[in-house]
Amino acid sequence: MTHAQLETLLQRLTDQLAAALRTEPLDLRAGHRVATELVASHIASAEALGRTVEVIQLRLVRDLDLVADDIADRMARLLAAIATGYARALRDRTLDEQEAIRRAALIARADAERALRASEARFRHQATHDPLTDLPNRTLFAERLAAVCTAHRDDVHRVGLCFLDIDRFKRINDSYGHQIGDRALVAAAHRLSRAVEPHLVARLGGDAFMILVERSTGTGDVVAVAESALAALAEPVLVGGHDVTVTASVGVVERQVAGTTPDDLWRAAGSTLHWAKSAGGAGWALYDAERDNREQARQALSAAIPGGLERGEFYLDYQPLTSLQDGSVLGVEALVRWQHPQLGVLRPDSFIGLAEETGLIVPLGSWVLAEACREAVGWSAATGEPPYVSVNLAVRQLRRPDLVQEVCSLLRHTGLPPNRLQLEITESMMMSGAEEPVRTLRALADLGVRIAIDDFGTGYSNLAYLRDLPVTELKVAGEFVRGLRAPEAADERILASLVSLAHALDLTVTAEGVETVGQAERLRAIGCDAGQGWHFGRPAPADHILARLR
């Protein structure tokens, strides 16, 4: 190869390297091609180049600080190989020619290094900014928040976060399409950024944004930022010929930097955003430590339910449903308890709501139903007329397609007669008008299972609708019983009417919450069939019920 050919080759390889470093998108093979030609031309050995030249490829690595030394080392190898070729070309040249070649080599190396730095800067921006809105992304926001928490560990500096989420953004996409939705997001992002300058605004993904107030002087500062953000989004934005209205919910957290961490702040902001959403949206909610502690405790309790079931921590108490005519026990209601290893005995109001929210009510309800049927079978030997057992059904249980099959299997497995099982449902479940739950209840009634409506009178109270439903009993809410204080009280007249109409529909009536002799006597006087409450007995384990029956 002549000197001229060697210079041409080196210049071409240098140009290729610089161009590859500038190109978007990347061609990962460029560095390998340059190295291959250097080796083929005997300018450098494969071993000297480390066999694979990854200068271009390393530009893709996210954490540039960690690999900077490696990039510099590999870049140096490649450029040194090119410089070696230039050095060979210096042989047999005049001093002027040698100086020109040296200058060309230096320029080529500087050009390649500039291209590498520019490439790293472009990648750094891409790695830390949202491609749609060009706002900082979650990565950059997390870095800034961590820097604030690390730099100011004193009792003076305070920090605030506003966690913003656009309300019902899916409706915008569904109504106008994703292109319009994206443009609306871009417009919202620009408005937010302008409205809360100089505070950092980041898009976390989807329709969620976070605002960092680095030097707060108190809660009022951060609330003002939240209100500015909401005001900026309040006016409709014209996108593609459509007036798109956007509202948002904001969770606000503000506290001393000392004693907190980025994870604490992030989690607290997420909880507070959830509160703002739960309140209906289009507003902000301020972090409340006591409320957060309560909700964390509830979450921990909810998470412990499956383990509690596996370990046998749940058990049943039973409360008598007593005839108001002769005082006999007609039935018993199964009431679940939780013997929590740390919190002691928990009543249903501590965990049933959590189980319903999370869907854990299905396995828990199945266990209650199975345990009640199993224990009730043993009462047959104690008396010729054993009581029925009444079990509450949750909405999720009633909507299960295999509920009828589950009940059939339980009755068959335990040997409990169907007429000794009563399933209680809430009034709102019956009055919802949905057909599937009604078909399920009819199938259960056809098996001979009793169906009762619990807390009757607190919902729709549509007795005419009951005529067509497979109901055998009404359990009147205790609120009416507590109202039996004076003669001819309004609640007594209401109860008398309910009892009369229920009997006209061949339904029996049980009054809940009976606590005194006077209440029991007046209920008996108006024709109520049965009573349930502390006057007739508090909830007790199965063996207590068995002893009473004997």
Protein backbone atom coordinates (compact mmCIF):
# COMPACT_ATOMS: atom_id res chain seq x y z
CA MET A 1 0.00 0.00 0.00
CA THR A 2 1.43 3.37 -0.99
CA HIS A 3 1.69 6.26 1.42
CA ALA A 4 -1.07 8.08 -0.44
CA GLN A 5 -3.33 5.02 -0.27
CA LEU A 6 -2.59 4.65 3.43
CA GLU A 7 -3.47 8.30 4.11
CA THR A 8 -6.69 7.96 2.13
CA LEU A 9 -7.64 4.83 4.08
CA LEU A 10 -6.91 6.45 7.42
CA GLN A 11 -8.87 9.58 6.54
CA ARG A 12 -11.83 7.47 5.42
CA LEU A 13 -11.80 5.40 8.62
CA THR A 14 -11.54 8.54 10.73
CA ASP A 15 -14.48 10.11 8.90
CA GLN A 16 -16.50 6.90 9.30
CA LEU A 17 -15.83 6.80 13.02
CA ALA A 18 -16.84 10.45 13.52
CA ALA A 19 -19.96 10.08 11.36
CA ALA A 20 -21.06 6.92 13.17
CA LEU A 21 -20.81 8.65 16.51
CA ARG A 22 -23.10 11.43 15.28
CA THR A 23 -25.68 9.25 13.53
CA GLU A 24 -29.18 8.66 14.91
CA PRO A 25 -30.28 5.90 15.08
CA LEU A 26 -27.05 4.09 15.78
CA ASP A 27 -25.40 1.53 13.54
CA LEU A 28 -23.78 -0.74 16.11
CA ARG A 29 -21.58 -2.34 13.48
CA ALA A 30 -19.67 0.83 12.56
CA GLY A 31 -16.97 0.41 15.20
CA HIS A 32 -16.46 -3.21 14.20
CA ARG A 33 -16.04 -2.25 10.53
CA VAL A 34 -13.38 0.35 11.35
CA ALA A 35 -11.51 -2.16 13.50
CA THR A 36 -11.74 -4.86 10.83
CA GLU A 37 -10.15 -2.59 8.22
CA LEU A 38 -7.38 -1.54 10.62
CA VAL A 39 -6.54 -5.20 11.24
CA ALA A 40 -6.80 -6.15 7.56
CA SER A 41 -4.45 -3.31 6.60
CA HIS A 42 -1.92 -4.47 9.22
CA ILE A 43 -2.16 -1.13 11.00
CA ALA A 44 -3.25 -2.76 14.29
CA SER A 45 -3.64 -6.29 15.65
CA ALA A 46 -6.91 -7.78 16.78
CA GLU A 47 -5.39 -8.36 20.21
CA ALA A 48 -4.40 -4.72 20.56
CA LEU A 49 -7.96 -3.67 19.76
CA GLY A 50 -9.38 -6.10 22.25
CA ARG A 51 -10.78 -8.20 19.34
CA THR A 52 -14.10 -6.33 19.49
CA VAL A 53 -14.27 -2.56 19.23
CA GLU A 54 -17.28 -1.35 21.22
CA VAL A 55 -16.87 2.41 21.25
CA ILE A 56 -20.11 2.88 19.34
CA GLN A 57 -22.03 0.24 21.20
CA LEU A 58 -21.04 1.53 24.61
CA ARG A 59 -22.84 4.73 23.79
CA LEU A 60 -26.03 2.81 24.56
CA VAL A 61 -25.10 2.10 28.18
CA ARG A 62 -27.45 4.08 30.44
CA ASP A 63 -25.17 4.98 33.32
CA LEU A 64 -22.47 6.89 31.47
CA ASP A 65 -20.59 7.80 34.64
CA LEU A 66 -19.83 4.16 35.43
CA VAL A 67 -18.48 3.34 31.97
CA ALA A 68 -16.74 6.61 31.15
CA ASP A 69 -13.29 5.18 31.86
CA ASP A 70 -13.99 2.12 29.76
CA ILE A 71 -15.26 4.25 26.87
CA ALA A 72 -12.15 6.43 27.05
CA ASP A 73 -9.92 3.37 27.10
CA ARG A 74 -11.56 1.74 24.09
CA MET A 75 -11.69 5.05 22.24
CA ALA A 76 -7.99 5.49 22.95
CA ARG A 77 -7.24 2.05 21.50
CA LEU A 78 -9.10 2.74 18.30
CA LEU A 79 -7.67 6.22 17.83
CA ALA A 80 -4.18 4.99 18.73
CA ALA A 81 -4.45 2.39 15.99
CA ILE A 82 -5.38 5.10 13.50
CA ALA A 83 -2.55 7.28 14.80
CA THR A 84 -0.15 4.36 14.30
CA GLY A 85 -1.19 4.25 10.66
CA TYR A 86 -0.57 7.95 10.33
CA ALA A 87 2.86 7.49 11.91
CA ARG A 88 3.71 4.88 9.25
CA ALA A 89 2.67 7.35 6.61
CA LEU A 90 5.22 9.86 7.97
CA ARG A 91 8.16 7.78 6.73
CA ASP A 92 10.19 9.23 3.85
CA ARG A 93 8.28 12.52 3.96
CA THR A 94 9.64 16.02 4.18
CA LEU A 95 9.37 17.86 7.48
CA ASP A 96 6.53 19.99 6.11
CA GLU A 97 4.67 16.91 4.91
CA GLN A 98 5.21 15.18 8.25
CA GLU A 99 3.84 18.23 10.12
CA ALA A 100 0.79 18.32 7.87
CA ILE A 101 0.11 14.63 8.50
CA ARG A 102 0.55 15.09 12.26
CA ARG A 103 -1.85 18.02 12.18
CA ALA A 104 -4.37 15.99 10.21
CA ALA A 105 -4.11 13.15 12.74
CA LEU A 106 -4.67 15.53 15.67
CA ILE A 107 -7.65 17.13 13.95
CA ALA A 108 -9.11 13.73 13.14
CA ARG A 109 -8.74 12.57 16.74
CA ALA A 110 -10.24 15.81 18.12
CA ASP A 111 -13.14 15.52 15.66
CA ALA A 112 -13.84 11.95 16.73
CA GLU A 113 -13.66 12.87 20.42
CA ARG A 114 -16.07 15.79 19.91
CA ALA A 115 -18.44 13.47 18.12
CA LEU A 116 -18.27 11.01 21.00
CA ARG A 117 -19.03 13.73 23.57
CA ALA A 118 -21.94 15.02 21.51
CA SER A 119 -23.26 11.50 21.13
CA GLU A 120 -23.05 10.94 24.90
CA ALA A 121 -24.89 14.19 25.54
CA ARG A 122 -27.65 13.23 23.11
CA PHE A 123 -27.99 9.85 24.72
CA ARG A 124 -27.98 11.37 28.21
CA HIS A 125 -30.88 13.61 27.21
CA GLN A 126 -32.78 10.71 25.71
CA ALA A 127 -32.19 8.61 28.82
CA THR A 128 -33.46 11.31 31.19
CA HIS A 129 -36.32 12.93 29.24
CA ASP A 130 -39.76 11.82 28.15
CA PRO A 131 -39.87 11.31 24.36
CA LEU A 132 -43.44 12.63 24.00
CA THR A 133 -43.37 15.83 26.08
CA ASP A 134 -39.57 16.35 26.38
CA LEU A 135 -40.08 16.89 30.11
CA PRO A 136 -37.66 15.24 32.54
CA ASN A 137 -38.64 11.62 33.11
CA ARG A 138 -38.87 9.43 36.23
CA THR A 139 -35.11 8.71 36.15
CA LEU A 140 -34.04 12.36 36.19
CA PHE A 141 -36.69 13.27 38.77
CA ALA A 142 -35.51 10.48 41.07
CA GLU A 143 -31.89 11.70 40.71
CA ARG A 144 -32.85 15.29 41.59
CA LEU A 145 -34.98 14.20 44.55
CA ALA A 146 -32.18 11.97 45.85
CA ALA A 147 -29.70 14.84 45.49
CA VAL A 148 -31.96 17.16 47.50
CA CYS A 149 -32.41 14.58 50.27
CA THR A 150 -28.66 13.89 50.40
CA ALA A 151 -27.45 17.50 50.32
CA HIS A 152 -29.71 19.00 52.99
CA ARG A 153 -29.66 16.78 56.09
CA ASP A 154 -30.35 19.61 58.56
CA ASP A 155 -33.36 20.95 60.44
CA VAL A 156 -33.76 23.95 58.15
CA HIS A 157 -34.35 22.70 54.64
CA ARG A 158 -37.80 21.50 53.61
CA VAL A 159 -39.00 19.80 50.45
CA GLY A 160 -42.34 19.31 48.77
CA LEU A 161 -43.86 17.06 46.10
CA CYS A 162 -46.99 17.44 44.02
CA PHE A 163 -48.06 14.13 42.46
CA LEU A 164 -50.48 15.01 39.66
CA ASP A 165 -52.64 12.60 37.68
CA ILE A 166 -55.11 13.63 34.97
CA ASP A 167 -58.65 12.54 35.79
CA ARG A 168 -60.33 10.00 33.53
CA PHE A 169 -57.77 10.46 30.76
CA LYS A 170 -58.84 7.16 29.20
CA ARG A 171 -62.11 8.84 28.23
CA ILE A 172 -60.19 11.39 26.16
CA ASN A 173 -58.37 8.61 24.29
CA ASP A 174 -61.62 6.68 23.83
CA SER A 175 -63.53 9.76 22.63
CA TYR A 176 -60.97 11.39 20.33
CA GLY A 177 -58.31 8.75 19.68
CA HIS A 178 -54.77 8.32 20.96
CA GLN A 179 -53.26 10.94 18.63
CA ILE A 180 -55.49 13.64 20.08
CA GLY A 181 -54.83 12.23 23.54
CA ASP A 182 -51.07 12.49 23.03
CA ARG A 183 -51.37 16.06 21.79
CA ALA A 184 -53.54 16.93 24.79
CA LEU A 185 -50.86 15.45 27.06
CA VAL A 186 -48.17 17.54 25.38
CA ALA A 187 -50.29 20.67 25.78
CA ALA A 188 -50.94 19.84 29.44
CA ALA A 189 -47.22 19.24 30.02
CA HIS A 190 -46.28 22.61 28.53
CA ARG A 191 -48.93 24.40 30.60
CA LEU A 192 -47.76 22.71 33.77
CA SER A 193 -44.13 23.52 33.13
CA ARG A 194 -44.88 27.21 32.50
CA ALA A 195 -47.32 27.52 35.42
CA VAL A 196 -44.98 26.24 38.13
CA GLU A 197 -41.60 27.60 36.97
CA PRO A 198 -38.89 27.34 38.22
CA HIS A 199 -39.88 24.04 39.86
CA LEU A 200 -38.93 20.78 38.18
CA VAL A 201 -41.84 19.04 36.41
CA ALA A 202 -41.42 15.43 35.27
CA ARG A 203 -43.67 13.08 33.37
CA LEU A 204 -43.63 9.73 35.13
CA GLY A 205 -45.48 7.92 32.36
CA GLY A 206 -49.06 7.72 31.14
CA ASP A 207 -50.96 10.75 32.46
CA ALA A 208 -48.96 11.12 35.70
CA PHE A 209 -46.66 14.04 36.50
CA MET A 210 -44.55 15.01 39.51
CA ILE A 211 -43.48 18.49 40.63
CA LEU A 212 -40.48 19.01 42.93
CA VAL A 213 -40.45 22.02 45.25
CA GLU A 214 -36.82 21.94 46.39
CA ARG A 215 -36.79 24.77 48.91
CA SER A 216 -40.21 24.91 50.51
CA THR A 217 -40.85 27.31 53.38
CA GLY A 218 -43.96 25.45 54.49
CA THR A 219 -47.09 23.62 53.40
CA GLY A 220 -48.55 26.78 51.89
CA ASP A 221 -45.77 26.91 49.28
CA VAL A 222 -46.48 23.46 47.95
CA VAL A 223 -50.27 23.89 48.08
CA ALA A 224 -49.86 27.08 46.03
CA VAL A 225 -47.88 25.12 43.43
CA ALA A 226 -50.63 22.49 43.31
CA GLU A 227 -53.31 25.14 42.83
CA SER A 228 -51.27 26.80 40.08
CA ALA A 229 -50.96 23.44 38.32
CA LEU A 230 -54.72 22.80 38.55
CA ALA A 231 -55.51 26.31 37.33
CA ALA A 232 -53.19 25.84 34.34
CA LEU A 233 -55.15 22.76 33.28
CA ALA A 234 -58.59 24.24 33.92
CA GLU A 235 -59.05 25.95 30.54
CA PRO A 236 -60.01 23.65 27.64
CA VAL A 237 -57.27 23.10 25.09
CA LEU A 238 -57.96 23.13 21.34
CA VAL A 239 -56.44 19.99 19.81
CA GLY A 240 -57.18 18.87 16.27
CA GLY A 241 -60.33 20.95 16.14
CA HIS A 242 -61.60 19.55 19.46
CA ASP A 243 -61.99 21.44 22.73
CA VAL A 244 -60.48 18.97 25.20
CA THR A 245 -61.20 19.64 28.87
CA VAL A 246 -58.68 18.27 31.33
CA THR A 247 -58.96 18.11 35.11
CA ALA A 248 -56.47 16.58 37.50
CA SER A 249 -56.00 15.34 41.04
CA VAL A 250 -52.93 16.28 43.06
CA GLY A 251 -51.37 14.66 46.11
CA VAL A 252 -49.37 17.18 48.17
CA VAL A 253 -46.54 16.24 50.54
CA GLU A 254 -44.37 18.77 52.40
CA ARG A 255 -41.88 18.10 55.20
CA GLN A 256 -38.36 18.61 56.54
CA VAL A 257 -35.63 16.98 54.47
CA ALA A 258 -34.03 15.66 57.66
CA GLY A 259 -35.66 12.42 58.72
CA THR A 260 -37.13 11.52 55.35
CA THR A 261 -36.00 9.63 52.25
CA PRO A 262 -36.94 9.76 48.57
CA ASP A 263 -38.87 6.50 48.97
CA ASP A 264 -40.82 7.92 51.93
CA LEU A 265 -41.71 11.05 49.98
CA TRP A 266 -42.66 9.12 46.88
CA ARG A 267 -44.89 6.69 48.77
CA ALA A 268 -46.56 9.46 50.77
CA ALA A 269 -47.28 11.40 47.57
CA GLY A 270 -48.83 8.30 46.01
CA SER A 271 -51.09 7.75 49.02
CA THR A 272 -52.17 11.38 49.02
CA LEU A 273 -52.92 11.31 45.29
CA HIS A 274 -55.18 8.31 45.96
CA TRP A 275 -57.05 10.36 48.58
CA ALA A 276 -57.55 13.19 46.08
CA LYS A 277 -58.87 10.72 43.50
CA SER A 278 -61.18 9.09 46.05
CA ALA A 279 -62.64 12.49 46.91
CA GLY A 280 -63.86 12.88 43.31
CA GLY A 281 -60.83 14.38 41.60
CA ALA A 282 -60.32 17.89 40.24
CA GLY A 283 -58.60 18.98 43.43
CA TRP A 284 -55.71 18.41 45.80
CA ALA A 285 -55.29 16.50 49.05
CA LEU A 286 -52.68 17.16 51.71
CA TYR A 287 -50.71 14.37 53.35
CA ASP A 288 -52.00 13.35 56.78
CA ALA A 289 -49.67 11.11 58.78
CA GLU A 290 -52.42 9.73 61.04
CA ARG A 291 -54.62 8.82 58.11
CA ASP A 292 -51.67 7.26 56.32
CA ASN A 293 -50.80 5.17 59.39
CA ARG A 294 -54.40 3.95 59.61
CA GLU A 295 -54.43 2.99 55.96
CA GLN A 296 -51.08 1.24 56.20
CA ALA A 297 -52.39 -0.71 59.16
CA ARG A 298 -55.48 -1.65 57.15
CA GLN A 299 -53.28 -2.71 54.25
CA ALA A 300 -51.17 -4.86 56.54
CA LEU A 301 -54.31 -6.41 58.00
CA SER A 302 -55.66 -7.12 54.53
CA ALA A 303 -52.38 -8.74 53.48
CA ALA A 304 -52.50 -10.99 56.56
CA ILE A 305 -55.94 -12.48 55.80
CA PRO A 306 -54.75 -15.32 53.49
CA GLY A 307 -52.08 -16.38 56.00
CA GLY A 308 -54.63 -16.19 58.81
CA LEU A 309 -56.92 -18.56 56.94
CA GLU A 310 -54.07 -21.00 56.33
CA ARG A 311 -53.03 -20.94 60.00
CA GLY A 312 -56.58 -21.42 61.30
CA GLU A 313 -56.77 -18.04 63.04
CA PHE A 314 -60.43 -17.48 62.12
CA TYR A 315 -63.31 -18.98 64.08
CA LEU A 316 -67.09 -18.60 64.35
CA ASP A 317 -69.35 -17.35 67.11
CA TYR A 318 -73.10 -17.77 66.86
CA GLN A 319 -75.95 -15.51 67.98
CA PRO A 320 -79.45 -16.96 68.57
CA LEU A 321 -82.48 -15.96 66.51
CA THR A 322 -85.21 -16.47 69.10
CA SER A 323 -88.96 -16.93 68.66
CA LEU A 324 -90.89 -14.03 70.20
CA GLN A 325 -93.83 -16.34 70.80
CA ASP A 326 -92.31 -19.16 72.89
CA GLY A 327 -88.65 -18.25 73.37
CA SER A 328 -87.29 -21.20 71.40
CA VAL A 329 -84.12 -20.90 69.34
CA LEU A 330 -85.20 -20.91 65.68
CA GLY A 331 -81.77 -20.35 64.21
CA VAL A 332 -78.33 -18.94 64.85
CA GLU A 333 -76.33 -16.45 62.83
CA ALA A 334 -72.70 -17.32 62.17
CA LEU A 335 -70.37 -14.41 62.95
CA VAL A 336 -66.70 -14.67 61.99
CA ARG A 337 -63.91 -13.69 64.39
CA TRP A 338 -60.16 -13.39 63.85
CA GLN A 339 -57.74 -14.41 66.57
CA HIS A 340 -54.95 -12.18 65.31
CA PRO A 341 -51.53 -13.13 66.72
CA GLN A 342 -50.61 -9.49 67.54
CA LEU A 343 -53.92 -7.62 67.74
CA GLY A 344 -56.02 -10.17 69.63
CA VAL A 345 -59.62 -10.98 68.76
CA LEU A 346 -60.92 -8.85 65.88
CA ARG A 347 -64.63 -8.40 65.13
CA PRO A 348 -65.95 -8.48 61.54
CA ASP A 349 -66.11 -4.70 61.21
CA SER A 350 -62.29 -4.64 61.49
CA PHE A 351 -61.61 -6.80 58.44
CA ILE A 352 -64.74 -7.69 56.42
CA GLY A 353 -64.69 -4.36 54.58
CA LEU A 354 -61.03 -4.92 53.68
CA ALA A 355 -61.78 -8.43 52.47
CA GLU A 356 -64.61 -7.13 50.27
CA GLU A 357 -62.39 -4.40 48.76
CA THR A 358 -59.62 -6.82 47.86
CA GLY A 359 -61.69 -9.84 46.80
CA LEU A 360 -60.43 -11.88 49.76
CA ILE A 361 -64.04 -12.08 50.89
CA VAL A 362 -64.47 -14.98 48.45
CA PRO A 363 -62.06 -17.43 50.16
CA LEU A 364 -62.98 -16.07 53.60
CA GLY A 365 -66.71 -16.35 52.88
CA SER A 366 -66.26 -19.88 51.55
CA TRP A 367 -64.49 -20.87 54.77
CA VAL A 368 -67.27 -19.33 56.92
CA LEU A 369 -69.95 -21.15 54.92
CA ALA A 370 -68.15 -24.51 55.13
CA GLU A 371 -67.35 -24.15 58.86
CA ALA A 372 -70.92 -23.12 59.73
CA CYS A 373 -72.37 -26.11 57.87
CA ARG A 374 -69.87 -28.46 59.50
CA GLU A 375 -70.62 -27.25 63.04
CA ALA A 376 -74.39 -27.03 62.54
CA VAL A 377 -74.61 -30.72 61.70
CA GLY A 378 -73.60 -31.59 65.26
CA TRP A 379 -76.58 -29.80 66.75
CA SER A 380 -79.05 -32.39 65.42
CA ALA A 381 -78.33 -34.84 68.23
CA ALA A 382 -79.04 -32.22 70.88
CA THR A 383 -82.69 -31.61 70.02
CA GLY A 384 -85.48 -32.94 67.86
CA GLU A 385 -85.89 -29.53 66.23
CA PRO A 386 -82.33 -28.29 65.57
CA PRO A 387 -81.99 -24.63 64.56
CA TYR A 388 -80.94 -23.47 61.12
CA VAL A 389 -77.61 -21.70 60.68
CA SER A 390 -77.64 -18.32 58.96
CA VAL A 391 -74.58 -17.20 56.97
CA ASN A 392 -73.97 -13.80 55.38
CA LEU A 393 -73.12 -13.70 51.67
CA ALA A 394 -71.06 -10.87 50.18
CA VAL A 395 -71.75 -9.39 46.74
CA ARG A 396 -68.68 -11.07 45.22
CA GLN A 397 -69.79 -14.45 46.53
CA LEU A 398 -73.29 -14.08 45.13
CA ARG A 399 -71.88 -13.19 41.71
CA ARG A 400 -69.69 -16.28 41.52
CA PRO A 401 -70.99 -18.64 38.81
CA ASP A 402 -70.15 -21.71 40.90
CA LEU A 403 -71.90 -20.62 44.13
CA VAL A 404 -74.82 -23.05 43.68
CA GLN A 405 -72.41 -25.91 43.01
CA GLU A 406 -70.37 -24.94 46.09
CA VAL A 407 -73.45 -24.99 48.33
CA CYS A 408 -74.64 -28.32 46.86
CA SER A 409 -71.23 -29.84 47.51
CA LEU A 410 -71.14 -28.55 51.10
CA LEU A 411 -74.60 -29.87 51.91
CA ARG A 412 -73.76 -33.24 50.42
CA HIS A 413 -70.38 -33.44 52.14
CA THR A 414 -71.60 -32.38 55.61
CA GLY A 415 -75.05 -33.97 55.46
CA LEU A 416 -76.73 -30.72 56.57
CA PRO A 417 -80.36 -30.61 55.34
CA PRO A 418 -80.89 -27.65 52.96
CA ASN A 419 -83.69 -26.18 55.09
CA ARG A 420 -81.21 -25.79 57.96
CA LEU A 421 -79.05 -23.39 55.97
CA GLN A 422 -80.08 -19.77 55.60
CA LEU A 423 -78.12 -17.36 53.40
CA GLU A 424 -78.35 -13.66 54.25
CA ILE A 425 -77.90 -10.98 51.63
CA THR A 426 -78.20 -7.22 51.86
CA GLU A 427 -81.24 -5.37 50.66
CA SER A 428 -79.27 -3.42 48.05
CA MET A 429 -78.04 -6.68 46.50
CA MET A 430 -81.62 -7.86 46.00
CA MET A 431 -82.94 -4.55 44.74
CA SER A 432 -80.17 -3.91 42.21
CA GLY A 433 -82.26 -5.39 39.40
CA ALA A 434 -79.42 -7.58 38.13
CA GLU A 435 -80.76 -10.86 36.77
CA GLU A 436 -77.83 -13.20 37.45
CA PRO A 437 -77.90 -12.90 41.29
CA VAL A 438 -81.65 -13.46 41.26
CA ARG A 439 -81.25 -16.62 39.14
CA THR A 440 -78.59 -17.84 41.57
CA LEU A 441 -80.86 -17.25 44.57
CA ARG A 442 -83.77 -19.01 42.85
CA ALA A 443 -81.53 -22.02 42.21
CA LEU A 444 -80.52 -22.05 45.88
CA ALA A 445 -84.14 -21.70 46.99
CA ASP A 446 -85.07 -24.62 44.72
CA LEU A 447 -82.56 -26.71 46.70
CA GLY A 448 -84.52 -25.88 49.85
CA VAL A 449 -82.04 -23.30 51.21
CA ARG A 450 -83.60 -20.40 53.12
CA ILE A 451 -82.96 -16.87 51.79
CA ALA A 452 -83.09 -13.83 54.10
CA ILE A 453 -82.63 -10.12 53.50
CA ASP A 454 -80.38 -8.57 56.14
CA ASP A 455 -80.76 -5.02 57.54
CA PHE A 456 -84.09 -4.60 55.79
CA GLY A 457 -85.38 -1.04 55.83
CA THR A 458 -82.02 0.67 55.32
CA GLY A 459 -82.14 0.45 51.52
CA TYR A 460 -84.91 0.58 48.96
CA SER A 461 -87.62 -1.13 51.07
CA ASN A 462 -89.57 -2.13 47.96
CA LEU A 463 -91.87 -4.83 49.36
CA ALA A 464 -93.76 -5.14 46.07
CA TYR A 465 -90.50 -6.20 44.40
CA LEU A 466 -90.03 -8.88 47.04
CA ARG A 467 -93.14 -10.66 45.80
CA ASP A 468 -91.20 -12.03 42.83
CA LEU A 469 -87.98 -12.88 44.70
CA PRO A 470 -87.07 -16.20 46.38
CA VAL A 471 -87.00 -14.72 49.91
CA THR A 472 -88.23 -16.50 53.05
CA GLU A 473 -87.31 -14.01 55.77
CA LEU A 474 -86.76 -10.32 56.40
CA LYS A 475 -84.33 -9.22 59.09
CA VAL A 476 -85.39 -5.72 60.08
CA ALA A 477 -82.53 -3.31 60.80
CA GLY A 478 -81.79 -2.53 64.43
CA GLU A 479 -82.30 1.21 63.83
CA PHE A 480 -86.07 0.65 63.91
CA VAL A 481 -85.87 -1.40 67.11
CA ARG A 482 -83.85 1.30 68.88
CA GLY A 483 -86.65 3.73 68.05
CA LEU A 484 -89.15 1.83 70.24
CA ARG A 485 -88.93 4.28 73.12
CA ALA A 486 -92.39 5.83 73.57
CA PRO A 487 -95.92 4.55 72.98
CA GLU A 488 -97.11 5.01 69.42
CA ALA A 489 -93.58 5.92 68.29
CA ALA A 490 -93.17 6.42 64.54
CA ASP A 491 -90.71 3.52 64.34
CA GLU A 492 -93.24 1.21 65.95
CA ARG A 493 -95.85 2.12 63.33
CA ILE A 494 -93.29 1.53 60.59
CA LEU A 495 -92.37 -1.85 62.08
CA ALA A 496 -96.01 -2.86 62.38
CA SER A 497 -96.55 -2.00 58.71
CA LEU A 498 -93.46 -3.94 57.64
CA VAL A 499 -94.50 -6.99 59.63
CA SER A 500 -98.05 -6.89 58.25
CA LEU A 501 -96.89 -6.55 54.63
CA ALA A 502 -94.20 -9.21 55.06
CA HIS A 503 -96.73 -11.66 56.44
CA ALA A 504 -99.00 -10.92 53.48
CA LEU A 505 -96.10 -12.10 51.29
CA ASP A 506 -95.62 -15.24 53.46
CA LEU A 507 -92.32 -13.95 54.83
CA THR A 508 -91.18 -14.27 58.44
CA VAL A 509 -89.73 -11.23 60.19
CA THR A 510 -86.77 -11.15 62.57
CA ALA A 511 -85.96 -7.90 64.39
CA GLU A 512 -82.24 -7.24 64.88
CA GLY A 513 -80.66 -5.34 67.75
CA VAL A 514 -83.14 -6.31 70.48
CA GLU A 515 -81.50 -5.32 73.75
CA THR A 516 -84.30 -4.89 76.32
CA VAL A 517 -87.36 -6.70 77.62
CA GLY A 518 -89.52 -3.72 76.63
CA GLN A 519 -88.37 -3.89 73.01
CA ALA A 520 -89.06 -7.64 72.90
CA GLU A 521 -92.57 -7.21 74.31
CA ARG A 522 -93.54 -4.49 71.88
CA LEU A 523 -92.17 -6.47 68.95
CA ARG A 524 -94.21 -9.45 70.11
CA ALA A 525 -97.29 -7.22 70.33
CA ILE A 526 -97.02 -6.10 66.71
CA GLY A 527 -96.65 -9.70 65.52
CA CYS A 528 -92.90 -9.86 64.80
CA ASP A 529 -91.84 -13.50 64.55
CA ALA A 530 -88.32 -13.51 66.01
CA GLY A 531 -85.71 -11.34 67.62
CA GLN A 532 -81.93 -11.20 67.62
CA GLY A 533 -79.78 -9.19 69.99
CA TRP A 534 -78.10 -9.10 73.36
CA HIS A 535 -81.43 -9.54 75.16
CA PHE A 536 -81.62 -13.09 73.76
CA GLY A 537 -77.91 -13.86 73.92
CA ARG A 538 -74.56 -12.52 72.85
CA PRO A 539 -72.52 -14.24 70.15
CA ALA A 540 -70.86 -17.35 71.57
CA PRO A 541 -68.88 -20.39 70.40
CA ALA A 542 -70.65 -23.46 69.02
CA ASP A 543 -70.34 -25.45 72.27
CA HIS A 544 -72.25 -22.73 74.15
CA ILE A 545 -75.04 -22.93 71.58
CA LEU A 546 -75.07 -26.69 71.92
CA ALA A 547 -75.32 -26.43 75.71
CA ARG A 548 -78.24 -24.04 75.40
CA LEU A 549 -80.06 -26.36 73.02
CA ARG A 550 -79.68 -29.25 75.43
